[in-house]
């Protein structure tokens, strides 16, 4: 399945036209059409806009769309308020305005993370992301920023 097919499927389930979805996302309906037809691939920021316009979490929009859209595995979390469903960690991050997707930067695999409320993007290596699950949301945000700074080219 492609991200365009997911966009189209969810849009139709919601009873929206491409023009209506474009309005909700503050983008042209022609862009929605290009994504649905697979003629263009949306950037991370655009994926978030479309997910918000459709009223679904990003993980639903990118579900089964290939390794470039993988949201990562579910780390073990000791806090029982964050455990339970298979998507507990993803849901917790999403609820705290932290969105992420698998990404490659400077030849290294990792995660591209967006702090949605501040519209900041950060790249963390796979090893760095493994350090995040046991922290509070405030600690997680600070650690993401600190780790990301070390990954930027001088």
N, C-alpha and C. Protein backbone atom coordinates (compact mmCIF):
# COMPACT_ATOMS: atom_id res chain seq x y z
N UNK A 1 0.85 -1.18 0.00
CA UNK A 1 0.00 0.00 0.00
C UNK A 1 0.89 1.24 0.00
N UNK A 2 0.47 2.28 -0.69
CA UNK A 2 1.23 3.53 -0.71
C UNK A 2 0.56 4.55 0.20
N UNK A 3 1.31 5.59 0.52
CA UNK A 3 0.73 6.65 1.35
C UNK A 3 -0.42 7.33 0.60
N UNK A 4 -0.29 7.46 -0.72
CA UNK A 4 -1.36 8.04 -1.52
C UNK A 4 -2.64 7.23 -1.45
N UNK A 5 -2.50 5.90 -1.50
CA UNK A 5 -3.67 5.03 -1.38
C UNK A 5 -4.32 5.17 0.00
N UNK A 6 -3.48 5.30 1.04
CA UNK A 6 -4.02 5.50 2.39
C UNK A 6 -4.75 6.84 2.49
N UNK A 7 -4.16 7.88 1.93
CA UNK A 7 -4.81 9.20 1.96
C UNK A 7 -6.18 9.11 1.30
N UNK A 8 -6.21 8.51 0.11
CA UNK A 8 -7.46 8.40 -0.64
C UNK A 8 -8.49 7.57 0.12
N UNK A 9 -8.06 6.42 0.65
CA UNK A 9 -8.98 5.53 1.37
C UNK A 9 -9.60 6.24 2.58
N UNK A 10 -8.74 6.88 3.37
CA UNK A 10 -9.22 7.54 4.59
C UNK A 10 -10.09 8.76 4.22
N UNK A 11 -9.67 9.49 3.19
CA UNK A 11 -10.46 10.65 2.75
C UNK A 11 -11.86 10.22 2.36
N UNK A 12 -11.95 9.14 1.60
CA UNK A 12 -13.27 8.64 1.16
C UNK A 12 -14.09 8.12 2.34
N UNK A 13 -13.42 7.43 3.29
CA UNK A 13 -14.12 6.96 4.49
C UNK A 13 -14.72 8.13 5.26
N UNK A 14 -14.04 9.27 5.24
CA UNK A 14 -14.52 10.47 5.95
C UNK A 14 -15.53 11.25 5.12
N UNK A 15 -15.75 10.82 3.86
CA UNK A 15 -16.72 11.49 3.00
C UNK A 15 -16.24 12.84 2.50
N UNK A 16 -14.93 12.99 2.33
CA UNK A 16 -14.36 14.26 1.90
C UNK A 16 -13.94 14.21 0.44
N UNK A 17 -14.06 15.34 -0.24
CA UNK A 17 -13.50 15.47 -1.58
C UNK A 17 -12.05 15.91 -1.45
N UNK A 18 -11.30 15.83 -2.55
CA UNK A 18 -9.92 16.30 -2.52
C UNK A 18 -9.87 17.80 -2.21
N UNK A 19 -10.83 18.54 -2.73
CA UNK A 19 -10.89 19.98 -2.46
C UNK A 19 -11.15 20.25 -0.98
N UNK A 20 -12.07 19.50 -0.37
CA UNK A 20 -12.36 19.69 1.05
C UNK A 20 -11.15 19.34 1.91
N UNK A 21 -10.47 18.23 1.58
CA UNK A 21 -9.28 17.86 2.34
C UNK A 21 -8.20 18.91 2.16
N UNK A 22 -8.04 19.40 0.95
CA UNK A 22 -7.06 20.46 0.69
C UNK A 22 -7.33 21.69 1.56
N UNK A 23 -8.60 22.06 1.67
CA UNK A 23 -8.97 23.21 2.51
C UNK A 23 -8.64 22.95 3.97
N UNK A 24 -8.95 21.73 4.45
CA UNK A 24 -8.66 21.39 5.84
C UNK A 24 -7.16 21.42 6.13
N UNK A 25 -6.36 21.07 5.10
CA UNK A 25 -4.90 21.01 5.27
C UNK A 25 -4.21 22.31 4.86
N UNK A 26 -4.99 23.26 4.39
CA UNK A 26 -4.46 24.53 3.89
C UNK A 26 -3.45 24.29 2.77
N UNK A 27 -3.87 23.45 1.80
CA UNK A 27 -3.05 23.19 0.62
C UNK A 27 -3.97 23.02 -0.58
N UNK A 28 -3.39 23.07 -1.75
CA UNK A 28 -4.18 22.96 -2.98
C UNK A 28 -4.70 21.53 -3.16
N UNK A 29 -5.91 21.42 -3.69
CA UNK A 29 -6.46 20.09 -3.96
C UNK A 29 -5.62 19.36 -5.00
N UNK A 30 -4.92 20.11 -5.85
CA UNK A 30 -4.04 19.47 -6.85
C UNK A 30 -2.88 18.73 -6.16
N UNK A 31 -2.42 19.24 -5.03
CA UNK A 31 -1.37 18.55 -4.27
C UNK A 31 -1.91 17.24 -3.70
N UNK A 32 -3.11 17.28 -3.16
CA UNK A 32 -3.75 16.06 -2.64
C UNK A 32 -3.87 15.04 -3.76
N UNK A 33 -4.31 15.50 -4.92
CA UNK A 33 -4.47 14.62 -6.08
C UNK A 33 -3.13 13.97 -6.47
N UNK A 34 -2.05 14.76 -6.49
CA UNK A 34 -0.72 14.22 -6.85
C UNK A 34 -0.27 13.16 -5.84
N UNK A 35 -0.52 13.40 -4.55
CA UNK A 35 -0.15 12.41 -3.53
C UNK A 35 -0.96 11.13 -3.70
N UNK A 36 -2.26 11.29 -3.92
CA UNK A 36 -3.12 10.11 -4.07
C UNK A 36 -2.76 9.29 -5.29
N UNK A 37 -2.35 9.94 -6.36
CA UNK A 37 -1.97 9.24 -7.59
C UNK A 37 -0.54 8.72 -7.56
N UNK A 38 0.20 9.06 -6.52
CA UNK A 38 1.58 8.61 -6.41
C UNK A 38 2.55 9.38 -7.28
N UNK A 39 2.13 10.55 -7.75
CA UNK A 39 2.99 11.38 -8.59
C UNK A 39 3.92 12.25 -7.77
N UNK A 40 3.65 12.34 -6.48
CA UNK A 40 4.50 13.10 -5.55
C UNK A 40 4.44 12.42 -4.20
N UNK A 41 5.51 12.56 -3.43
CA UNK A 41 5.56 12.01 -2.07
C UNK A 41 5.57 13.16 -1.08
N UNK A 42 4.64 13.13 -0.14
CA UNK A 42 4.59 14.23 0.83
C UNK A 42 5.76 14.20 1.80
N UNK A 43 6.23 15.38 2.16
CA UNK A 43 7.27 15.52 3.17
C UNK A 43 6.64 15.29 4.55
N UNK A 44 7.48 15.13 5.56
CA UNK A 44 6.99 14.86 6.92
C UNK A 44 5.99 15.92 7.38
N UNK A 45 6.31 17.18 7.18
CA UNK A 45 5.41 18.25 7.61
C UNK A 45 4.06 18.14 6.91
N UNK A 46 4.07 17.79 5.62
CA UNK A 46 2.83 17.64 4.86
C UNK A 46 2.03 16.43 5.35
N UNK A 47 2.72 15.35 5.69
CA UNK A 47 2.05 14.17 6.23
C UNK A 47 1.29 14.55 7.50
N UNK A 48 1.92 15.37 8.33
CA UNK A 48 1.26 15.80 9.57
C UNK A 48 0.04 16.67 9.27
N UNK A 49 0.15 17.55 8.28
CA UNK A 49 -0.99 18.39 7.90
C UNK A 49 -2.16 17.53 7.42
N UNK A 50 -1.84 16.54 6.58
CA UNK A 50 -2.88 15.69 6.02
C UNK A 50 -3.52 14.84 7.12
N UNK A 51 -2.69 14.28 7.99
CA UNK A 51 -3.22 13.48 9.11
C UNK A 51 -4.15 14.33 9.98
N UNK A 52 -3.73 15.55 10.26
CA UNK A 52 -4.56 16.46 11.05
C UNK A 52 -5.86 16.77 10.32
N UNK A 53 -5.76 17.05 9.02
CA UNK A 53 -6.96 17.33 8.22
C UNK A 53 -7.92 16.16 8.19
N UNK A 54 -7.38 14.95 8.17
CA UNK A 54 -8.22 13.75 8.15
C UNK A 54 -8.67 13.35 9.55
N UNK A 55 -8.06 13.96 10.57
CA UNK A 55 -8.42 13.63 11.94
C UNK A 55 -7.95 12.26 12.39
N UNK A 56 -6.78 11.85 11.89
CA UNK A 56 -6.22 10.55 12.26
C UNK A 56 -4.78 10.73 12.72
N UNK A 57 -4.28 9.82 13.56
CA UNK A 57 -2.86 9.87 13.92
C UNK A 57 -1.99 9.57 12.70
N UNK A 58 -0.80 10.10 12.68
CA UNK A 58 0.13 9.88 11.57
C UNK A 58 0.34 8.39 11.33
N UNK A 59 0.42 7.60 12.40
CA UNK A 59 0.68 6.17 12.25
C UNK A 59 -0.39 5.48 11.42
N UNK A 60 -1.63 5.95 11.47
CA UNK A 60 -2.71 5.38 10.65
C UNK A 60 -2.49 5.75 9.19
N UNK A 61 -2.06 6.96 8.94
CA UNK A 61 -1.85 7.44 7.57
C UNK A 61 -0.70 6.71 6.89
N UNK A 62 0.36 6.40 7.62
CA UNK A 62 1.54 5.78 7.01
C UNK A 62 1.57 4.26 7.18
N UNK A 63 0.51 3.70 7.77
CA UNK A 63 0.45 2.26 8.03
C UNK A 63 0.65 1.45 6.75
N UNK A 64 1.60 0.50 6.79
CA UNK A 64 1.89 -0.42 5.69
C UNK A 64 2.33 0.29 4.41
N UNK A 65 3.00 1.43 4.55
CA UNK A 65 3.44 2.20 3.38
C UNK A 65 4.92 1.99 3.05
N UNK A 66 5.56 1.04 3.68
CA UNK A 66 6.95 0.75 3.36
C UNK A 66 7.90 1.23 4.44
N UNK A 67 9.15 0.79 4.34
CA UNK A 67 10.14 1.08 5.39
C UNK A 67 10.44 2.56 5.57
N UNK A 68 10.29 3.36 4.53
CA UNK A 68 10.58 4.79 4.67
C UNK A 68 9.58 5.50 5.57
N UNK A 69 8.43 4.84 5.82
CA UNK A 69 7.41 5.43 6.69
C UNK A 69 7.24 4.68 8.00
N UNK A 70 8.14 3.73 8.30
CA UNK A 70 8.03 2.99 9.55
C UNK A 70 8.14 3.93 10.73
N UNK A 71 7.29 3.73 11.71
CA UNK A 71 7.30 4.57 12.89
C UNK A 71 8.12 3.99 14.02
N UNK A 72 8.78 2.89 13.78
CA UNK A 72 9.66 2.32 14.79
C UNK A 72 8.97 1.26 15.62
N UNK A 73 9.78 0.50 16.33
CA UNK A 73 9.24 -0.57 17.16
C UNK A 73 8.77 0.00 18.49
N UNK A 74 8.05 -0.79 19.21
CA UNK A 74 7.52 -0.36 20.49
C UNK A 74 8.50 -0.71 21.59
N UNK A 75 9.19 0.25 22.18
CA UNK A 75 10.12 -0.05 23.26
C UNK A 75 9.37 -0.46 24.53
N UNK A 76 10.06 -1.17 25.39
CA UNK A 76 9.46 -1.53 26.67
C UNK A 76 9.39 -0.28 27.53
N UNK A 77 8.24 -0.07 28.16
CA UNK A 77 8.04 1.11 28.99
C UNK A 77 7.58 0.64 30.36
N UNK A 78 8.28 1.07 31.39
CA UNK A 78 7.94 0.59 32.72
C UNK A 78 6.71 1.28 33.29
N UNK A 79 6.45 2.51 32.90
CA UNK A 79 5.30 3.26 33.41
C UNK A 79 4.01 2.62 32.90
N UNK A 80 3.19 2.10 33.78
CA UNK A 80 1.98 1.39 33.37
C UNK A 80 0.98 2.30 32.67
N UNK A 81 1.05 3.59 32.90
CA UNK A 81 0.12 4.49 32.22
C UNK A 81 0.44 4.60 30.74
N UNK A 82 1.62 4.13 30.33
CA UNK A 82 2.00 4.20 28.93
C UNK A 82 2.05 2.82 28.28
N UNK A 83 1.56 1.80 28.96
CA UNK A 83 1.63 0.47 28.38
C UNK A 83 0.25 -0.03 28.05
N UNK A 84 0.18 -1.20 27.44
CA UNK A 84 -1.11 -1.78 27.11
C UNK A 84 -1.19 -2.13 25.65
N UNK A 85 -1.64 -1.20 24.82
CA UNK A 85 -1.80 -1.49 23.40
C UNK A 85 -0.44 -1.54 22.71
N UNK A 86 -0.42 -2.12 21.54
CA UNK A 86 0.81 -2.22 20.77
C UNK A 86 1.36 -0.87 20.35
N UNK A 87 0.52 0.15 20.37
CA UNK A 87 0.94 1.48 19.95
C UNK A 87 1.06 2.45 21.11
N UNK A 88 1.20 1.95 22.32
CA UNK A 88 1.19 2.82 23.51
C UNK A 88 2.24 3.92 23.41
N UNK A 89 3.47 3.56 23.07
CA UNK A 89 4.55 4.56 23.00
C UNK A 89 4.26 5.56 21.90
N UNK A 90 3.83 5.10 20.71
CA UNK A 90 3.49 6.00 19.61
C UNK A 90 2.37 6.95 20.03
N UNK A 91 1.35 6.40 20.67
CA UNK A 91 0.22 7.24 21.10
C UNK A 91 0.66 8.27 22.13
N UNK A 92 1.54 7.86 23.05
CA UNK A 92 2.02 8.78 24.07
C UNK A 92 2.79 9.93 23.42
N UNK A 93 3.68 9.60 22.49
CA UNK A 93 4.43 10.66 21.79
C UNK A 93 3.48 11.57 21.02
N UNK A 94 2.56 10.97 20.28
CA UNK A 94 1.62 11.75 19.48
C UNK A 94 0.78 12.67 20.37
N UNK A 95 0.33 12.16 21.50
CA UNK A 95 -0.48 12.95 22.43
C UNK A 95 0.31 14.12 23.00
N UNK A 96 1.63 13.99 23.00
CA UNK A 96 2.49 15.06 23.53
C UNK A 96 3.15 15.86 22.40
N UNK A 97 2.54 15.82 21.23
CA UNK A 97 2.98 16.61 20.07
C UNK A 97 4.39 16.28 19.60
N UNK A 98 4.76 15.01 19.70
CA UNK A 98 6.04 14.55 19.17
C UNK A 98 5.73 13.50 18.11
N UNK A 99 6.09 13.80 16.87
CA UNK A 99 5.81 12.91 15.75
C UNK A 99 7.14 12.45 15.16
N UNK A 100 7.17 11.23 14.63
CA UNK A 100 8.43 10.71 14.13
C UNK A 100 8.23 9.72 13.00
N UNK A 101 9.28 9.56 12.21
CA UNK A 101 9.29 8.57 11.15
C UNK A 101 10.72 8.14 10.89
N UNK A 102 10.88 6.93 10.36
CA UNK A 102 12.19 6.40 10.03
C UNK A 102 12.82 7.34 8.99
N UNK A 103 14.13 7.59 9.13
CA UNK A 103 14.78 8.57 8.27
C UNK A 103 16.27 8.25 8.17
N UNK A 104 16.89 8.68 7.10
CA UNK A 104 18.33 8.49 6.91
C UNK A 104 18.96 9.86 6.68
N UNK A 105 20.02 10.15 7.43
CA UNK A 105 20.68 11.46 7.33
C UNK A 105 22.19 11.25 7.40
N UNK A 106 22.89 11.85 6.50
CA UNK A 106 24.35 11.74 6.46
C UNK A 106 24.80 10.28 6.49
N UNK A 107 24.04 9.41 5.81
CA UNK A 107 24.39 8.00 5.74
C UNK A 107 24.05 7.19 6.98
N UNK A 108 23.37 7.80 7.95
CA UNK A 108 23.03 7.09 9.19
C UNK A 108 21.52 6.90 9.28
N UNK A 109 21.11 5.70 9.71
CA UNK A 109 19.70 5.39 9.93
C UNK A 109 19.26 5.97 11.27
N UNK A 110 18.01 6.38 11.33
CA UNK A 110 17.49 6.89 12.58
C UNK A 110 16.06 7.35 12.43
N UNK A 111 15.69 8.36 13.21
CA UNK A 111 14.33 8.88 13.21
C UNK A 111 14.36 10.40 13.01
N UNK A 112 13.45 10.88 12.17
CA UNK A 112 13.22 12.31 12.04
C UNK A 112 12.06 12.61 12.97
N UNK A 113 12.28 13.50 13.90
CA UNK A 113 11.30 13.79 14.94
C UNK A 113 10.85 15.24 14.81
N UNK A 114 9.55 15.44 14.89
CA UNK A 114 9.00 16.79 14.83
C UNK A 114 8.33 17.09 16.16
N UNK A 115 8.74 18.19 16.78
CA UNK A 115 8.05 18.71 17.96
C UNK A 115 6.96 19.63 17.40
N UNK A 116 5.76 19.08 17.28
CA UNK A 116 4.69 19.73 16.52
C UNK A 116 4.31 21.10 17.05
N UNK A 117 4.32 21.29 18.36
CA UNK A 117 3.89 22.58 18.90
C UNK A 117 4.87 23.70 18.58
N UNK A 118 6.15 23.37 18.41
CA UNK A 118 7.14 24.40 18.07
C UNK A 118 7.60 24.31 16.62
N UNK A 119 7.11 23.28 15.90
CA UNK A 119 7.46 23.05 14.50
C UNK A 119 8.95 22.85 14.29
N UNK A 120 9.61 22.27 15.31
CA UNK A 120 11.04 21.96 15.22
C UNK A 120 11.21 20.54 14.72
N UNK A 121 12.22 20.32 13.86
CA UNK A 121 12.56 18.99 13.38
C UNK A 121 13.93 18.62 13.93
N UNK A 122 14.06 17.36 14.35
CA UNK A 122 15.33 16.87 14.89
C UNK A 122 15.58 15.46 14.37
N UNK A 123 16.85 15.16 14.08
CA UNK A 123 17.23 13.81 13.67
C UNK A 123 17.98 13.13 14.81
N UNK A 124 17.55 11.90 15.15
CA UNK A 124 18.25 11.09 16.15
C UNK A 124 18.64 9.77 15.52
N UNK A 125 19.83 9.28 15.85
CA UNK A 125 20.24 7.96 15.38
C UNK A 125 19.42 6.90 16.10
N UNK A 126 19.47 5.66 15.60
CA UNK A 126 18.74 4.57 16.25
C UNK A 126 19.20 4.38 17.69
N UNK A 127 20.51 4.45 17.93
CA UNK A 127 21.03 4.29 19.30
C UNK A 127 20.49 5.38 20.22
N UNK A 128 20.39 6.59 19.73
CA UNK A 128 19.89 7.69 20.55
C UNK A 128 18.41 7.49 20.89
N UNK A 129 17.62 7.01 19.93
CA UNK A 129 16.19 6.84 20.20
C UNK A 129 15.93 5.78 21.27
N UNK A 130 16.83 4.83 21.41
CA UNK A 130 16.67 3.77 22.42
C UNK A 130 16.79 4.32 23.84
N UNK A 131 17.35 5.51 23.99
CA UNK A 131 17.53 6.11 25.31
C UNK A 131 16.29 6.87 25.78
N UNK A 132 15.32 7.08 24.92
CA UNK A 132 14.18 7.94 25.23
C UNK A 132 13.06 7.35 26.07
N UNK A 133 12.69 6.07 25.95
CA UNK A 133 11.43 5.61 26.55
C UNK A 133 11.24 5.77 28.05
N UNK A 134 12.27 5.80 28.84
CA UNK A 134 12.08 5.83 30.29
C UNK A 134 11.97 7.24 30.86
N UNK A 135 11.92 8.25 30.04
CA UNK A 135 11.94 9.63 30.50
C UNK A 135 10.55 10.27 30.52
N UNK A 136 10.42 11.35 31.27
CA UNK A 136 9.18 12.13 31.25
C UNK A 136 9.12 12.90 29.93
N UNK A 137 7.98 13.48 29.61
CA UNK A 137 7.84 14.22 28.35
C UNK A 137 8.81 15.41 28.30
N UNK A 138 8.98 16.11 29.41
CA UNK A 138 9.89 17.26 29.43
C UNK A 138 11.33 16.79 29.18
N UNK A 139 11.71 15.69 29.85
CA UNK A 139 13.06 15.15 29.67
C UNK A 139 13.24 14.64 28.24
N UNK A 140 12.21 14.01 27.69
CA UNK A 140 12.28 13.50 26.32
C UNK A 140 12.53 14.63 25.34
N UNK A 141 11.77 15.72 25.48
CA UNK A 141 11.92 16.86 24.56
C UNK A 141 13.32 17.47 24.66
N UNK A 142 13.81 17.64 25.88
CA UNK A 142 15.15 18.21 26.06
C UNK A 142 16.23 17.30 25.50
N UNK A 143 16.09 16.00 25.72
CA UNK A 143 17.08 15.05 25.22
C UNK A 143 17.07 14.99 23.70
N UNK A 144 15.90 15.03 23.09
CA UNK A 144 15.80 15.06 21.62
C UNK A 144 16.58 16.25 21.07
N UNK A 145 16.37 17.41 21.64
CA UNK A 145 17.06 18.61 21.16
C UNK A 145 18.57 18.50 21.34
N UNK A 146 19.00 18.03 22.49
CA UNK A 146 20.45 17.92 22.76
C UNK A 146 21.10 16.90 21.85
N UNK A 147 20.49 15.74 21.71
CA UNK A 147 21.06 14.70 20.84
C UNK A 147 21.08 15.14 19.38
N UNK A 148 20.02 15.78 18.95
CA UNK A 148 19.93 16.23 17.57
C UNK A 148 21.04 17.21 17.21
N UNK A 149 21.38 18.07 18.13
CA UNK A 149 22.44 19.06 17.88
C UNK A 149 23.75 18.37 17.52
N UNK A 150 24.01 17.22 18.10
CA UNK A 150 25.26 16.49 17.82
C UNK A 150 25.24 15.85 16.44
N UNK A 151 24.08 15.73 15.82
CA UNK A 151 23.97 15.08 14.50
C UNK A 151 24.03 16.04 13.33
N UNK A 152 24.03 17.32 13.59
CA UNK A 152 24.06 18.31 12.51
C UNK A 152 25.47 18.48 12.01
N UNK A 153 25.57 18.66 10.70
CA UNK A 153 26.89 18.89 10.11
C UNK A 153 27.38 20.27 10.50
N UNK A 154 28.67 20.40 10.76
CA UNK A 154 29.21 21.72 11.16
C UNK A 154 29.13 22.73 10.03
